[in-house]
N, C-alpha and C. Protein backbone atom coordinates (compact mmCIF):
# COMPACT_ATOMS: atom_id res chain seq x y z
N MET A 1 -158.86 -10.72 -97.98
CA MET A 1 -159.13 -11.73 -96.86
C MET A 1 -158.75 -11.19 -95.56
N ARG A 2 -159.77 -10.61 -94.82
CA ARG A 2 -159.65 -10.09 -93.52
C ARG A 2 -160.03 -11.42 -92.64
N LYS A 3 -159.33 -11.22 -91.41
CA LYS A 3 -159.69 -12.06 -90.37
C LYS A 3 -159.93 -11.30 -89.06
N ALA A 4 -160.24 -12.18 -88.00
CA ALA A 4 -160.74 -11.45 -86.85
C ALA A 4 -159.52 -10.80 -85.86
N TYR A 5 -158.66 -11.96 -85.79
CA TYR A 5 -157.28 -11.78 -85.19
C TYR A 5 -156.51 -12.75 -85.51
N SER A 6 -155.04 -12.66 -85.21
CA SER A 6 -154.27 -13.85 -85.70
C SER A 6 -154.00 -14.56 -84.15
N ASN A 7 -154.10 -15.84 -84.40
CA ASN A 7 -154.03 -16.63 -83.24
C ASN A 7 -152.64 -17.13 -82.97
N GLN A 8 -151.67 -16.84 -84.10
CA GLN A 8 -150.31 -17.20 -83.92
C GLN A 8 -149.50 -15.91 -83.12
N LEU A 9 -149.02 -16.37 -81.96
CA LEU A 9 -148.12 -15.26 -81.35
C LEU A 9 -146.80 -15.17 -82.07
N ARG A 10 -146.36 -13.88 -82.22
CA ARG A 10 -145.08 -13.64 -82.79
C ARG A 10 -143.88 -14.01 -81.72
N PHE A 11 -142.74 -14.13 -82.17
CA PHE A 11 -141.75 -14.60 -81.17
C PHE A 11 -141.35 -13.05 -80.49
N ASP A 12 -141.50 -11.92 -81.06
CA ASP A 12 -141.17 -10.74 -80.54
C ASP A 12 -142.18 -10.14 -79.96
N SER A 13 -143.36 -10.67 -79.91
CA SER A 13 -144.55 -10.03 -79.05
C SER A 13 -144.93 -10.62 -77.71
N VAL A 14 -145.61 -9.76 -77.18
CA VAL A 14 -146.01 -10.29 -75.60
C VAL A 14 -147.46 -10.72 -75.86
N PRO A 15 -148.04 -11.63 -75.28
CA PRO A 15 -149.43 -11.74 -75.13
C PRO A 15 -150.19 -10.67 -74.77
N ILE A 16 -151.19 -10.41 -75.45
CA ILE A 16 -151.93 -9.08 -75.20
C ILE A 16 -152.42 -9.01 -73.78
N GLU A 17 -152.71 -10.05 -72.95
CA GLU A 17 -153.19 -10.10 -71.70
C GLU A 17 -152.27 -9.68 -70.71
N ASN A 18 -150.91 -9.77 -71.16
CA ASN A 18 -149.69 -9.48 -70.39
C ASN A 18 -148.91 -8.34 -70.69
N VAL A 19 -149.42 -7.30 -71.48
CA VAL A 19 -148.60 -6.29 -72.05
C VAL A 19 -148.70 -5.28 -70.67
N PRO A 20 -147.54 -5.01 -70.30
CA PRO A 20 -147.48 -3.96 -68.99
C PRO A 20 -147.96 -2.82 -69.25
N LEU A 21 -148.66 -2.11 -68.76
CA LEU A 21 -149.34 -0.71 -68.93
C LEU A 21 -148.79 0.31 -67.57
N ASN A 22 -148.39 1.27 -67.72
CA ASN A 22 -148.04 2.23 -66.61
C ASN A 22 -149.39 2.97 -66.21
N PHE A 23 -149.70 2.57 -64.87
CA PHE A 23 -151.02 3.12 -64.41
C PHE A 23 -150.81 4.17 -63.57
N ASN A 24 -149.65 4.54 -63.44
CA ASN A 24 -149.15 6.02 -62.76
C ASN A 24 -149.26 6.98 -63.82
N CYS A 25 -149.22 6.81 -65.15
CA CYS A 25 -149.27 7.69 -66.17
C CYS A 25 -150.90 8.27 -66.26
N ARG A 26 -150.82 9.61 -66.50
CA ARG A 26 -152.23 10.09 -66.54
C ARG A 26 -152.59 10.55 -68.05
N ASP A 27 -152.03 9.74 -69.07
CA ASP A 27 -152.46 9.99 -70.36
C ASP A 27 -153.65 9.07 -70.52
N SER A 28 -154.56 9.75 -71.43
CA SER A 28 -155.76 9.11 -71.58
C SER A 28 -155.80 7.81 -72.27
N ILE A 29 -154.71 7.46 -72.85
CA ILE A 29 -154.76 6.14 -73.65
C ILE A 29 -154.47 4.83 -72.78
N ILE A 30 -153.88 4.96 -71.23
CA ILE A 30 -153.73 4.07 -70.56
C ILE A 30 -155.26 3.28 -70.18
N PRO A 31 -156.29 3.98 -69.93
CA PRO A 31 -157.53 3.31 -69.59
C PRO A 31 -158.09 2.59 -70.66
N VAL A 32 -157.80 3.09 -71.98
CA VAL A 32 -158.47 2.72 -72.97
C VAL A 32 -157.85 1.19 -73.46
N LEU A 33 -156.16 1.33 -73.34
CA LEU A 33 -155.60 0.13 -73.68
C LEU A 33 -156.09 -0.99 -72.43
N ARG A 34 -156.36 -0.59 -71.19
CA ARG A 34 -156.53 -1.56 -70.37
C ARG A 34 -158.01 -2.20 -70.61
N ALA A 35 -159.05 -1.36 -71.05
CA ALA A 35 -160.23 -1.69 -71.41
C ALA A 35 -160.16 -2.72 -72.73
N LEU A 36 -159.31 -2.64 -73.41
CA LEU A 36 -158.97 -3.38 -74.69
C LEU A 36 -158.57 -4.80 -74.34
N GLN A 37 -157.50 -4.79 -73.20
CA GLN A 37 -157.11 -6.04 -72.60
C GLN A 37 -158.26 -6.76 -72.14
N HIS A 38 -159.13 -6.04 -71.38
CA HIS A 38 -160.00 -6.72 -70.73
C HIS A 38 -161.27 -7.63 -71.77
N VAL A 39 -161.29 -6.76 -72.89
CA VAL A 39 -162.06 -7.19 -74.15
C VAL A 39 -161.65 -8.28 -74.78
N TYR A 40 -160.37 -8.18 -74.87
CA TYR A 40 -159.52 -9.36 -75.48
C TYR A 40 -159.27 -10.59 -74.79
N CYS A 41 -159.26 -10.62 -73.42
CA CYS A 41 -159.45 -11.70 -72.35
C CYS A 41 -160.85 -12.44 -72.46
N ASN A 42 -161.76 -11.57 -72.61
CA ASN A 42 -163.09 -12.05 -72.57
C ASN A 42 -163.58 -12.47 -74.03
N ARG A 43 -163.18 -13.89 -74.23
CA ARG A 43 -163.49 -14.34 -75.80
C ARG A 43 -164.77 -14.15 -76.17
N GLU A 44 -165.98 -14.20 -75.48
CA GLU A 44 -167.08 -14.14 -76.00
C GLU A 44 -167.55 -12.78 -76.34
N LEU A 45 -167.15 -11.96 -75.49
CA LEU A 45 -167.34 -10.39 -75.74
C LEU A 45 -166.59 -10.09 -77.07
N ALA A 46 -165.24 -10.40 -77.12
CA ALA A 46 -164.21 -10.18 -78.16
C ALA A 46 -164.81 -10.64 -79.43
N ASP A 47 -165.34 -12.01 -79.44
CA ASP A 47 -165.85 -12.57 -80.76
C ASP A 47 -167.25 -11.76 -81.41
N HIS A 48 -167.84 -11.35 -80.12
CA HIS A 48 -169.18 -10.63 -80.57
C HIS A 48 -168.85 -9.35 -81.23
N ILE A 49 -168.01 -8.53 -80.56
CA ILE A 49 -167.40 -7.19 -81.13
C ILE A 49 -166.78 -7.33 -82.49
N LEU A 50 -166.05 -8.35 -82.62
CA LEU A 50 -165.07 -8.61 -83.95
C LEU A 50 -166.16 -9.18 -84.93
N GLN A 51 -167.12 -9.78 -84.59
CA GLN A 51 -168.27 -10.23 -85.79
C GLN A 51 -168.93 -9.00 -86.18
N ARG A 52 -169.19 -8.06 -85.25
CA ARG A 52 -169.98 -6.95 -85.63
C ARG A 52 -169.13 -6.00 -86.62
N ILE A 53 -167.90 -5.74 -86.18
CA ILE A 53 -167.00 -5.18 -87.00
C ILE A 53 -166.91 -5.63 -88.63
N GLY A 54 -166.84 -6.93 -88.51
CA GLY A 54 -166.60 -7.79 -89.65
C GLY A 54 -167.98 -7.58 -90.52
N ASN A 55 -168.99 -7.64 -89.86
CA ASN A 55 -170.34 -7.42 -90.60
C ASN A 55 -170.35 -5.98 -91.22
N ASP A 56 -169.91 -5.09 -90.60
CA ASP A 56 -170.00 -3.76 -90.87
C ASP A 56 -169.14 -3.48 -91.98
N ILE A 57 -167.83 -3.90 -91.99
CA ILE A 57 -166.78 -3.85 -92.94
C ILE A 57 -166.93 -4.47 -94.21
N ASN A 58 -167.48 -5.78 -94.26
CA ASN A 58 -167.56 -6.67 -95.37
C ASN A 58 -168.99 -6.55 -96.12
N GLY A 59 -169.92 -6.12 -95.08
CA GLY A 59 -171.21 -6.16 -95.72
C GLY A 59 -171.57 -7.52 -96.41
N ASN A 60 -171.91 -7.49 -97.57
CA ASN A 60 -172.35 -8.56 -98.43
C ASN A 60 -171.25 -9.22 -99.09
N THR A 61 -169.89 -8.86 -99.09
CA THR A 61 -168.86 -9.44 -99.67
C THR A 61 -168.28 -10.64 -99.03
N ARG A 62 -167.55 -11.46 -99.87
CA ARG A 62 -166.97 -12.83 -99.45
C ARG A 62 -165.67 -12.34 -98.58
N THR A 63 -165.57 -13.05 -97.44
CA THR A 63 -164.31 -12.95 -96.51
C THR A 63 -163.29 -13.74 -96.81
N ASP A 64 -163.45 -14.64 -98.02
CA ASP A 64 -162.39 -15.67 -98.03
C ASP A 64 -161.60 -15.32 -99.34
N THR A 65 -161.77 -14.24 -100.02
CA THR A 65 -161.05 -13.88 -101.21
C THR A 65 -160.78 -12.45 -101.08
N GLY A 66 -159.84 -11.91 -101.93
CA GLY A 66 -159.47 -10.56 -101.93
C GLY A 66 -158.08 -10.34 -101.40
N ARG A 67 -157.66 -9.28 -101.28
CA ARG A 67 -156.25 -9.01 -100.72
C ARG A 67 -156.51 -8.71 -99.17
N GLU A 68 -155.27 -8.97 -98.66
CA GLU A 68 -155.39 -8.88 -97.10
C GLU A 68 -155.37 -7.53 -96.47
N GLY A 69 -156.27 -7.26 -95.60
CA GLY A 69 -156.35 -6.02 -94.87
C GLY A 69 -155.92 -6.06 -93.53
N MET A 70 -156.31 -5.03 -92.67
CA MET A 70 -156.00 -5.01 -91.11
C MET A 70 -157.03 -5.97 -90.35
N ASP A 71 -156.55 -6.88 -89.61
CA ASP A 71 -157.51 -7.58 -88.83
C ASP A 71 -158.53 -6.76 -88.29
N TYR A 72 -159.63 -7.42 -87.78
CA TYR A 72 -160.59 -6.94 -87.14
C TYR A 72 -160.28 -6.31 -85.84
N TRP A 73 -159.29 -6.99 -85.15
CA TRP A 73 -158.87 -6.63 -83.77
C TRP A 73 -158.00 -5.40 -84.08
N HIS A 74 -157.32 -5.12 -84.99
CA HIS A 74 -156.50 -3.96 -85.33
C HIS A 74 -157.29 -2.74 -85.58
N ILE A 75 -158.55 -2.85 -86.22
CA ILE A 75 -159.68 -1.97 -86.65
C ILE A 75 -160.09 -1.66 -85.14
N CYS A 76 -160.50 -2.68 -84.31
CA CYS A 76 -161.25 -2.36 -83.07
C CYS A 76 -160.36 -1.57 -82.17
N VAL A 77 -158.97 -1.98 -82.10
CA VAL A 77 -158.08 -1.22 -81.16
C VAL A 77 -157.85 0.39 -81.69
N LEU A 78 -157.71 0.44 -83.01
CA LEU A 78 -157.44 1.76 -83.41
C LEU A 78 -158.82 2.57 -83.29
N MET A 79 -159.98 1.94 -83.43
CA MET A 79 -161.21 2.48 -83.34
C MET A 79 -161.60 3.24 -81.86
N ALA A 80 -161.06 2.28 -81.03
CA ALA A 80 -161.26 2.62 -79.46
C ALA A 80 -160.52 3.60 -79.18
N VAL A 81 -158.96 3.59 -79.48
CA VAL A 81 -158.06 4.66 -79.07
C VAL A 81 -158.56 5.92 -79.71
N ARG A 82 -159.01 5.86 -81.04
CA ARG A 82 -159.23 7.07 -81.45
C ARG A 82 -160.29 7.92 -80.95
N LEU A 83 -161.41 7.20 -80.66
CA LEU A 83 -162.64 7.68 -79.98
C LEU A 83 -162.41 7.95 -78.50
N GLY A 84 -161.74 7.04 -77.67
CA GLY A 84 -161.75 7.23 -76.53
C GLY A 84 -160.63 8.39 -75.91
N CYS A 85 -159.66 8.46 -76.81
CA CYS A 85 -158.73 9.57 -76.47
C CYS A 85 -158.91 11.00 -77.36
N ASN A 86 -160.12 10.90 -78.17
CA ASN A 86 -160.44 12.00 -79.08
C ASN A 86 -159.25 12.61 -80.07
N TYR A 87 -158.58 11.60 -80.56
CA TYR A 87 -157.22 11.89 -81.39
C TYR A 87 -157.76 12.05 -82.85
N ALA A 88 -157.15 12.95 -83.66
CA ALA A 88 -157.25 13.19 -84.75
C ALA A 88 -156.63 11.91 -85.84
N TYR A 89 -156.98 11.66 -86.98
CA TYR A 89 -156.36 10.50 -87.68
C TYR A 89 -154.82 10.62 -87.65
N ASP A 90 -154.20 11.64 -87.76
CA ASP A 90 -152.79 12.06 -87.99
C ASP A 90 -152.00 11.62 -86.59
N GLN A 91 -152.81 11.88 -85.48
CA GLN A 91 -152.10 11.30 -84.19
C GLN A 91 -152.25 9.89 -84.21
N LEU A 92 -153.28 9.46 -84.62
CA LEU A 92 -153.50 7.76 -84.23
C LEU A 92 -152.57 7.18 -85.40
N LEU A 93 -152.46 7.87 -86.46
CA LEU A 93 -151.33 7.18 -87.54
C LEU A 93 -150.03 7.23 -86.64
N ASP A 94 -149.66 8.27 -86.18
CA ASP A 94 -148.33 8.15 -85.39
C ASP A 94 -148.09 7.26 -84.39
N LEU A 95 -149.23 7.17 -83.41
CA LEU A 95 -149.32 6.45 -82.30
C LEU A 95 -149.25 4.91 -82.88
N ALA A 96 -150.06 4.49 -83.82
CA ALA A 96 -150.06 3.18 -84.44
C ALA A 96 -148.82 2.70 -84.84
N GLU A 97 -147.77 3.58 -85.36
CA GLU A 97 -146.72 3.15 -85.92
C GLU A 97 -145.37 3.36 -84.82
N ASN A 98 -145.70 4.08 -83.71
CA ASN A 98 -144.46 4.43 -82.89
C ASN A 98 -144.74 4.05 -81.20
N HIS A 99 -146.17 3.91 -80.90
CA HIS A 99 -146.48 3.82 -79.61
C HIS A 99 -146.28 2.10 -79.11
N ARG A 100 -145.29 1.79 -78.38
CA ARG A 100 -145.04 0.34 -78.03
C ARG A 100 -146.11 -0.30 -77.43
N SER A 101 -146.79 0.31 -76.59
CA SER A 101 -147.86 -0.47 -75.90
C SER A 101 -149.26 -0.62 -76.65
N LEU A 102 -149.46 0.64 -77.58
CA LEU A 102 -150.39 0.36 -78.46
C LEU A 102 -150.24 -0.80 -79.50
N ARG A 103 -149.21 -0.64 -79.98
CA ARG A 103 -148.57 -2.04 -80.88
C ARG A 103 -148.68 -3.29 -80.17
N ALA A 104 -148.48 -3.33 -78.86
CA ALA A 104 -148.29 -4.62 -78.35
C ALA A 104 -149.79 -5.09 -78.17
N ILE A 105 -150.87 -4.19 -77.80
CA ILE A 105 -152.17 -4.37 -77.54
C ILE A 105 -152.66 -4.95 -78.86
N MET A 106 -152.13 -4.41 -79.95
CA MET A 106 -152.77 -4.68 -81.52
C MET A 106 -152.15 -6.03 -81.62
N GLY A 107 -151.27 -6.78 -81.04
CA GLY A 107 -150.59 -8.07 -81.23
C GLY A 107 -149.34 -7.88 -82.24
N LEU A 108 -148.79 -6.88 -82.36
CA LEU A 108 -147.64 -6.50 -83.33
C LEU A 108 -146.44 -6.45 -82.27
N GLY A 109 -145.45 -7.23 -82.83
CA GLY A 109 -144.00 -7.31 -82.07
C GLY A 109 -143.35 -6.14 -82.12
N ASP A 110 -142.20 -5.99 -81.32
CA ASP A 110 -141.12 -4.77 -81.55
C ASP A 110 -140.36 -4.97 -82.73
N CYS A 111 -140.20 -6.09 -83.61
CA CYS A 111 -139.65 -6.14 -84.86
C CYS A 111 -140.59 -6.06 -85.89
N ASP A 112 -141.86 -5.96 -85.82
CA ASP A 112 -142.95 -5.95 -86.97
C ASP A 112 -142.87 -4.66 -87.36
N GLU A 113 -142.49 -4.55 -88.83
CA GLU A 113 -142.49 -3.41 -89.47
C GLU A 113 -143.96 -2.88 -90.00
N THR A 114 -145.12 -3.36 -89.58
CA THR A 114 -146.18 -3.00 -90.13
C THR A 114 -146.61 -1.47 -90.08
N GLU A 115 -146.87 -0.98 -91.18
CA GLU A 115 -147.13 0.51 -91.32
C GLU A 115 -148.59 0.49 -91.61
N PHE A 116 -149.20 1.79 -91.18
CA PHE A 116 -150.58 2.07 -91.52
C PHE A 116 -150.61 3.37 -92.24
N HIS A 117 -151.76 3.19 -93.12
CA HIS A 117 -151.68 4.43 -94.27
C HIS A 117 -152.98 5.15 -93.77
N ASN A 118 -153.03 6.58 -94.16
CA ASN A 118 -154.08 7.23 -93.76
C ASN A 118 -154.82 7.57 -95.17
N LYS A 119 -154.65 6.51 -96.37
CA LYS A 119 -155.44 6.90 -97.47
C LYS A 119 -156.91 6.39 -97.47
């Protein structure tokens, strides 16, 4: 049962549109995270993108049954960071588990122990 994104804000998380980013940093991930903030704030655009991701992932299967997977928003963020920064999957896995700003853009809080697997 995948869902587009979680509407419920966690106590330990910052709203995605308010995640602070260091614009003085020259790392390639900062512009990608800012673009993702823009997409998230534009609900019509975000819904369109997440619907296309859902259609691609689910195909003809039912979305109301089965085990939980990553939200479509998580998939969108990881996909954008991987392609936008030209990261390998192992680099992306490490960032998804340890990069505070990336996890905040994904809607995960500081105390959230969600792990991602490369299987």
